[in-house]
């Protein structure tokens, strides 16, 4: 990689901007791209560098942008012949001059963002473990001295306004992964859920017992929110591993996120158009929800109280 591409890659990484690297790994004359030629494709579709002429340029850009969306590399084979390995993606060679070239396209994505609503022990455990897993963690600022100091020490970013934060991340560029977890433990689940949903995260979970989750869905549905959309929210959040402590619950939730992201088509993402429907009911949902657990219906999954 030449110095200009190195400088550009470093700048994009510092800006947390996704990009893809395309490298020629094999070629047969008369193609102009040679093994080792490299180009960087930014999220806006601009190509920097050289991998050959116009015969491959547009297709490499198209596939590069797809890898940013899917998060998986691919090996393109222009003018490929039968009998090539199955992992090659065949691409017709548009030039009449012939030749063959194979280009490896690798997405370089910023760290996934994990937004945690709430100031509970589980919220703190999520922020700490999420940071250890390489996520960029966002937590709510706390008025309590001990809670505030712990979250400030663990989180990459502390925010006072969850709704404003969600709106900011809703404008994220392609290639960003965003996960949201409501760890308010029954005190303002509906509002936090609505605010985080406005960011259309790739995963949105609520820490709640099954009974409490039914109550949350009833409150949101009472505001005219789409039942199918609300049902897509993961609740109770996390894999069923028998978790009891805050740290174990955090592990179960992060494991669920990893599992979903590793299975194409199994994402817990809020579908397009869902966020606006949920967000529109924030104020009215607050009025309908008491924020307190009623009797035995809603127990804190961390302490059972």
Protein backbone atom coordinates (compact mmCIF):
# COMPACT_ATOMS: atom_id res chain seq x y z
CA UNK A 1 0.00 0.00 0.00
CA UNK A 2 1.43 3.38 -0.97
CA UNK A 3 1.90 6.22 1.49
CA UNK A 4 -1.14 8.18 0.30
CA UNK A 5 -3.43 5.21 0.88
CA UNK A 6 -1.89 4.61 4.30
CA UNK A 7 -2.50 8.22 5.27
CA UNK A 8 -6.07 8.09 3.98
CA UNK A 9 -6.78 4.83 5.80
CA UNK A 10 -5.39 6.27 9.03
CA UNK A 11 -7.53 9.38 8.69
CA UNK A 12 -10.69 7.38 8.02
CA UNK A 13 -10.00 5.14 11.01
CA UNK A 14 -9.52 8.19 13.23
CA UNK A 15 -12.86 9.53 11.98
CA UNK A 16 -14.53 6.12 12.54
CA UNK A 17 -15.45 6.11 8.85
CA UNK A 18 -15.87 2.70 7.18
CA UNK A 19 -14.02 1.80 4.00
CA UNK A 20 -13.04 -1.24 1.95
CA UNK A 21 -9.65 -2.31 0.66
CA UNK A 22 -9.46 -3.94 -2.77
CA UNK A 23 -6.30 -5.86 -3.64
CA UNK A 24 -5.39 -7.60 -6.90
CA UNK A 25 -4.27 -11.11 -5.94
CA UNK A 26 -4.02 -12.72 -9.38
CA UNK A 27 -4.12 -11.58 -12.99
CA UNK A 28 -3.64 -12.89 -16.52
CA UNK A 29 -2.70 -10.74 -19.47
CA UNK A 30 -3.81 -8.48 -21.02
CA UNK A 31 -5.28 -6.94 -17.83
CA UNK A 32 -3.59 -3.79 -16.52
CA UNK A 33 -4.06 -4.65 -12.85
CA UNK A 34 -1.14 -6.55 -11.33
CA UNK A 35 -0.92 -8.58 -8.12
CA UNK A 36 -0.36 -6.23 -5.21
CA UNK A 37 -2.17 -3.27 -6.78
CA UNK A 38 -4.50 -1.83 -4.18
CA UNK A 39 -7.33 0.67 -3.89
CA UNK A 40 -9.39 2.08 -1.04
CA UNK A 41 -13.13 2.56 -1.52
CA UNK A 42 -14.83 4.95 0.90
CA UNK A 43 -18.45 4.71 2.00
CA UNK A 44 -19.51 7.31 -0.59
CA UNK A 45 -18.27 5.07 -3.41
CA UNK A 46 -15.10 7.01 -4.20
CA UNK A 47 -12.10 4.90 -5.22
CA UNK A 48 -8.57 5.90 -4.29
CA UNK A 49 -5.64 3.96 -5.70
CA UNK A 50 -5.20 1.63 -8.64
CA UNK A 51 -6.38 -1.91 -9.35
CA UNK A 52 -6.65 -1.67 -13.13
CA UNK A 53 -8.72 0.04 -15.77
CA UNK A 54 -12.42 0.68 -16.22
CA UNK A 55 -13.10 -3.01 -16.91
CA UNK A 56 -13.12 -3.75 -13.18
CA UNK A 57 -13.58 -0.38 -11.48
CA UNK A 58 -17.39 -0.11 -11.31
CA UNK A 59 -17.90 -3.71 -10.22
CA UNK A 60 -15.23 -3.48 -7.53
CA UNK A 61 -16.89 -0.34 -6.15
CA UNK A 62 -20.30 -2.03 -6.16
CA UNK A 63 -19.03 -5.09 -4.34
CA UNK A 64 -17.02 -2.96 -1.93
CA UNK A 65 -20.14 -1.08 -0.84
CA UNK A 66 -21.97 -4.38 -0.40
CA UNK A 67 -19.21 -5.66 1.88
CA UNK A 68 -19.61 -2.54 4.01
CA UNK A 69 -23.29 -3.37 4.45
CA UNK A 70 -22.74 -7.08 5.08
CA UNK A 71 -19.45 -6.95 6.94
CA UNK A 72 -17.94 -9.89 5.05
CA UNK A 73 -14.99 -9.93 2.60
CA UNK A 74 -15.25 -11.47 -0.83
CA UNK A 75 -12.96 -12.58 -3.64
CA UNK A 76 -14.02 -11.36 -7.08
CA UNK A 77 -13.02 -13.27 -10.22
CA UNK A 78 -13.28 -11.24 -13.41
CA UNK A 79 -13.41 -13.44 -16.50
CA UNK A 80 -13.31 -16.56 -14.35
CA UNK A 81 -13.31 -20.02 -15.87
CA UNK A 82 -15.23 -23.15 -14.81
CA UNK A 83 -13.49 -25.19 -12.16
CA UNK A 84 -12.38 -22.26 -10.02
CA UNK A 85 -12.89 -22.51 -6.22
CA UNK A 86 -16.41 -22.05 -4.89
CA UNK A 87 -15.42 -19.08 -2.73
CA UNK A 88 -14.82 -16.94 -5.81
CA UNK A 89 -17.55 -14.53 -6.89
CA UNK A 90 -17.65 -14.66 -10.71
CA UNK A 91 -17.90 -11.26 -12.39
CA UNK A 92 -18.15 -10.86 -16.18
CA UNK A 93 -15.23 -9.04 -17.77
CA UNK A 94 -16.77 -6.07 -19.57
CA UNK A 95 -13.74 -5.33 -21.76
CA UNK A 96 -13.39 -7.05 -25.11
CA UNK A 97 -9.63 -7.39 -24.70
CA UNK A 98 -10.07 -10.40 -22.44
CA UNK A 99 -7.79 -11.21 -19.57
CA UNK A 100 -8.57 -12.36 -16.07
CA UNK A 101 -8.10 -10.79 -12.68
CA UNK A 102 -8.99 -11.71 -9.11
CA UNK A 103 -9.60 -8.96 -6.57
CA UNK A 104 -9.98 -9.46 -2.83
CA UNK A 105 -12.32 -6.91 -1.23
CA UNK A 106 -12.15 -6.51 2.53
CA UNK A 107 -14.37 -4.17 4.58
CA UNK A 108 -12.74 -2.16 7.37
CA UNK A 109 -15.46 -1.17 9.80
CA UNK A 110 -15.41 0.98 12.94
CA UNK A 111 -16.05 -0.64 16.29
CA UNK A 112 -19.73 -1.43 16.84
CA UNK A 113 -21.53 1.04 19.09
CA UNK A 114 -23.33 -0.25 22.19
CA UNK A 115 -25.81 2.18 23.76
CA UNK A 116 -27.00 1.18 27.21
CA UNK A 117 -30.02 2.89 28.74
CA UNK A 118 -30.18 2.88 32.53
CA UNK A 119 -27.85 3.18 35.48
CA UNK A 120 -28.41 -0.24 37.03
CA UNK A 121 -25.72 -2.78 37.97
CA UNK A 122 -26.55 -4.67 34.78
CA UNK A 123 -26.06 -1.48 32.75
CA UNK A 124 -22.62 -1.03 34.29
CA UNK A 125 -21.73 -4.67 33.62
CA UNK A 126 -22.82 -4.30 30.00
CA UNK A 127 -20.68 -1.21 29.51
CA UNK A 128 -17.64 -2.84 31.08
CA UNK A 129 -17.93 -6.13 29.19
CA UNK A 130 -18.89 -4.40 25.96
CA UNK A 131 -15.76 -2.28 26.19
CA UNK A 132 -13.66 -5.38 26.78
CA UNK A 133 -15.14 -6.87 23.60
CA UNK A 134 -14.10 -3.85 21.56
CA UNK A 135 -17.43 -2.04 21.36
CA UNK A 136 -17.64 1.73 21.56
CA UNK A 137 -19.82 2.05 24.65
CA UNK A 138 -22.34 4.81 25.33
CA UNK A 139 -23.96 5.14 28.76
CA UNK A 140 -26.31 7.53 30.48
CA UNK A 141 -24.81 9.99 32.95
CA UNK A 142 -25.83 9.34 36.55
CA UNK A 143 -26.63 11.76 39.34
CA UNK A 144 -25.40 9.31 41.96
CA UNK A 145 -21.73 9.79 42.84
CA UNK A 146 -20.75 6.12 42.94
CA UNK A 147 -22.77 5.16 39.86
CA UNK A 148 -21.58 8.19 37.94
CA UNK A 149 -17.93 7.54 38.67
CA UNK A 150 -18.20 3.87 37.70
CA UNK A 151 -19.98 4.58 34.42
CA UNK A 152 -17.65 7.45 33.60
CA UNK A 153 -14.67 5.18 34.10
CA UNK A 154 -16.13 2.37 31.99
CA UNK A 155 -17.95 4.10 29.11
CA UNK A 156 -16.40 5.69 26.05
CA UNK A 157 -19.16 8.29 26.03
CA UNK A 158 -21.57 9.57 28.69
CA UNK A 159 -24.78 11.26 27.55
CA UNK A 160 -27.48 13.22 29.34
CA UNK A 161 -30.16 13.01 26.65
CA UNK A 162 -30.87 9.52 25.32
CA UNK A 163 -33.32 10.76 22.68
CA UNK A 164 -30.80 13.24 21.27
CA UNK A 165 -28.12 10.55 21.26
CA UNK A 166 -30.37 8.13 19.38
CA UNK A 167 -31.20 10.80 16.82
CA UNK A 168 -27.49 11.43 16.30
CA UNK A 169 -26.71 7.76 15.73
CA UNK A 170 -29.70 7.38 13.42
CA UNK A 171 -27.66 9.36 10.88
CA UNK A 172 -24.71 6.96 11.01
CA UNK A 173 -22.99 6.04 7.72
CA UNK A 174 -23.27 2.66 6.07
CA UNK A 175 -21.08 0.03 7.64
CA UNK A 176 -21.77 1.11 11.21
CA UNK A 177 -23.25 -1.46 13.59
CA UNK A 178 -25.40 -0.17 16.43
CA UNK A 179 -26.76 -2.14 19.36
CA UNK A 180 -29.10 -0.90 22.06
CA UNK A 181 -30.02 -2.39 25.42
CA UNK A 182 -32.62 -1.07 27.85
CA UNK A 183 -31.35 -1.78 31.37
CA UNK A 184 -33.66 0.55 33.28
CA UNK A 185 -35.04 -2.37 35.26
CA UNK A 186 -38.73 -1.50 34.98
CA UNK A 187 -38.55 2.17 35.87
CA UNK A 188 -38.81 3.75 32.42
CA UNK A 189 -38.57 0.85 30.03
CA UNK A 190 -41.17 2.16 27.58
CA UNK A 191 -39.62 5.56 27.13
CA UNK A 192 -36.07 4.23 26.81
CA UNK A 193 -37.21 1.60 24.32
CA UNK A 194 -38.92 4.23 22.20
CA UNK A 195 -35.93 6.55 22.31
CA UNK A 196 -33.41 3.88 21.33
CA UNK A 197 -35.68 2.51 18.61
CA UNK A 198 -35.52 5.91 16.92
CA UNK A 199 -31.91 5.07 16.00
CA UNK A 200 -33.00 1.85 14.19
CA UNK A 201 -30.32 -0.24 15.91
CA UNK A 202 -29.23 -3.60 14.53
CA UNK A 203 -30.16 -5.11 17.88
CA UNK A 204 -32.53 -3.77 20.53
CA UNK A 205 -33.11 -5.67 23.74
CA UNK A 206 -34.88 -5.04 27.03
CA UNK A 207 -33.82 -6.58 30.33
CA UNK A 208 -37.11 -7.72 31.80
CA UNK A 209 -38.93 -10.82 32.91
CA UNK A 210 -41.38 -12.34 30.42
CA UNK A 211 -44.28 -10.94 32.44
CA UNK A 212 -42.79 -7.46 32.54
CA UNK A 213 -42.07 -7.64 28.80
CA UNK A 214 -45.72 -8.41 28.13
CA UNK A 215 -46.60 -5.32 30.14
CA UNK A 216 -44.18 -3.19 28.13
CA UNK A 217 -45.69 -4.41 24.88
CA UNK A 218 -49.20 -3.77 26.16
CA UNK A 219 -48.33 -0.20 27.10
CA UNK A 220 -46.74 0.51 23.73
CA UNK A 221 -49.57 -1.18 21.84
CA UNK A 222 -52.07 0.93 23.77
CA UNK A 223 -50.49 3.97 22.16
CA UNK A 224 -51.30 2.63 18.70
CA UNK A 225 -47.81 1.32 18.01
CA UNK A 226 -47.40 -1.51 15.52
CA UNK A 227 -47.56 -4.80 17.44
CA UNK A 228 -45.37 -6.65 14.95
CA UNK A 229 -42.72 -3.95 15.21
CA UNK A 230 -42.71 -4.06 19.00
CA UNK A 231 -42.51 -7.86 18.87
CA UNK A 232 -39.17 -7.61 17.05
CA UNK A 233 -37.59 -6.15 20.14
CA UNK A 234 -35.63 -8.78 22.07
CA UNK A 235 -37.26 -9.19 25.42
CA UNK A 236 -36.27 -10.71 27.71
CA UNK A 237 -32.88 -9.83 26.23
CA UNK A 238 -30.10 -12.39 26.25
CA UNK A 239 -29.58 -16.09 25.70
CA UNK A 240 -31.10 -18.45 28.24
CA UNK A 241 -27.95 -19.52 30.09
CA UNK A 242 -29.41 -19.41 33.60
CA UNK A 243 -27.83 -16.02 34.28
CA UNK A 244 -28.41 -14.51 37.72
CA UNK A 245 -25.78 -11.89 38.53
CA UNK A 246 -25.51 -8.58 36.64
CA UNK A 247 -22.32 -9.79 34.98
CA UNK A 248 -23.90 -13.07 33.89
CA UNK A 249 -26.90 -11.23 32.46
CA UNK A 250 -24.55 -8.94 30.55
CA UNK A 251 -22.71 -11.97 29.16
CA UNK A 252 -26.00 -13.52 28.00
CA UNK A 253 -27.00 -10.33 26.17
CA UNK A 254 -23.64 -9.81 24.48
CA UNK A 255 -23.63 -13.48 23.50
CA UNK A 256 -27.03 -13.00 21.87
CA UNK A 257 -25.70 -10.03 19.92
CA UNK A 258 -22.69 -12.04 18.75
CA UNK A 259 -24.93 -14.96 17.80
CA UNK A 260 -27.31 -12.81 15.78
CA UNK A 261 -24.54 -11.00 13.95
CA UNK A 262 -22.90 -14.32 13.06
CA UNK A 263 -26.09 -15.59 11.41
CA UNK A 264 -27.05 -13.69 8.24
CA UNK A 265 -30.75 -12.97 8.15
CA UNK A 266 -31.20 -13.54 11.89
CA UNK A 267 -30.57 -9.97 13.01
CA UNK A 268 -32.77 -8.47 15.69
CA UNK A 269 -32.69 -5.12 13.95
CA UNK A 270 -35.68 -2.84 14.02
CA UNK A 271 -37.08 -2.80 10.50
CA UNK A 272 -37.18 0.40 8.43
CA UNK A 273 -40.15 2.51 9.38
CA UNK A 274 -40.47 0.95 12.82
CA UNK A 275 -38.49 3.60 14.64
CA UNK A 276 -40.73 6.49 13.69
CA UNK A 277 -43.80 4.62 14.84
CA UNK A 278 -42.30 3.83 18.22
CA UNK A 279 -40.77 7.24 18.74
CA UNK A 280 -44.07 8.98 18.09
CA UNK A 281 -45.49 7.39 21.20
CA UNK A 282 -42.74 8.37 23.63
CA UNK A 283 -44.68 11.01 25.52
CA UNK A 284 -47.96 9.13 25.64
CA UNK A 285 -46.25 5.90 26.63
CA UNK A 286 -44.67 7.72 29.57
CA UNK A 287 -48.09 8.83 30.77
CA UNK A 288 -49.51 5.33 30.54
CA UNK A 289 -46.57 3.64 32.24
CA UNK A 290 -46.15 4.09 35.97
CA UNK A 291 -42.51 3.13 35.79
CA UNK A 292 -43.01 0.89 38.84
CA UNK A 293 -43.37 -2.84 38.89
CA UNK A 294 -46.84 -4.00 39.87
CA UNK A 295 -46.99 -6.72 42.47
CA UNK A 296 -45.48 -10.00 41.37
CA UNK A 297 -45.94 -9.29 37.67
CA UNK A 298 -42.56 -7.69 37.02
CA UNK A 299 -39.47 -8.85 38.84
CA UNK A 300 -35.99 -7.48 38.43
CA UNK A 301 -34.14 -10.30 36.61
CA UNK A 302 -30.92 -9.35 38.41
CA UNK A 303 -32.13 -9.46 41.98
CA UNK A 304 -35.58 -11.04 41.77
CA UNK A 305 -37.13 -8.14 43.67
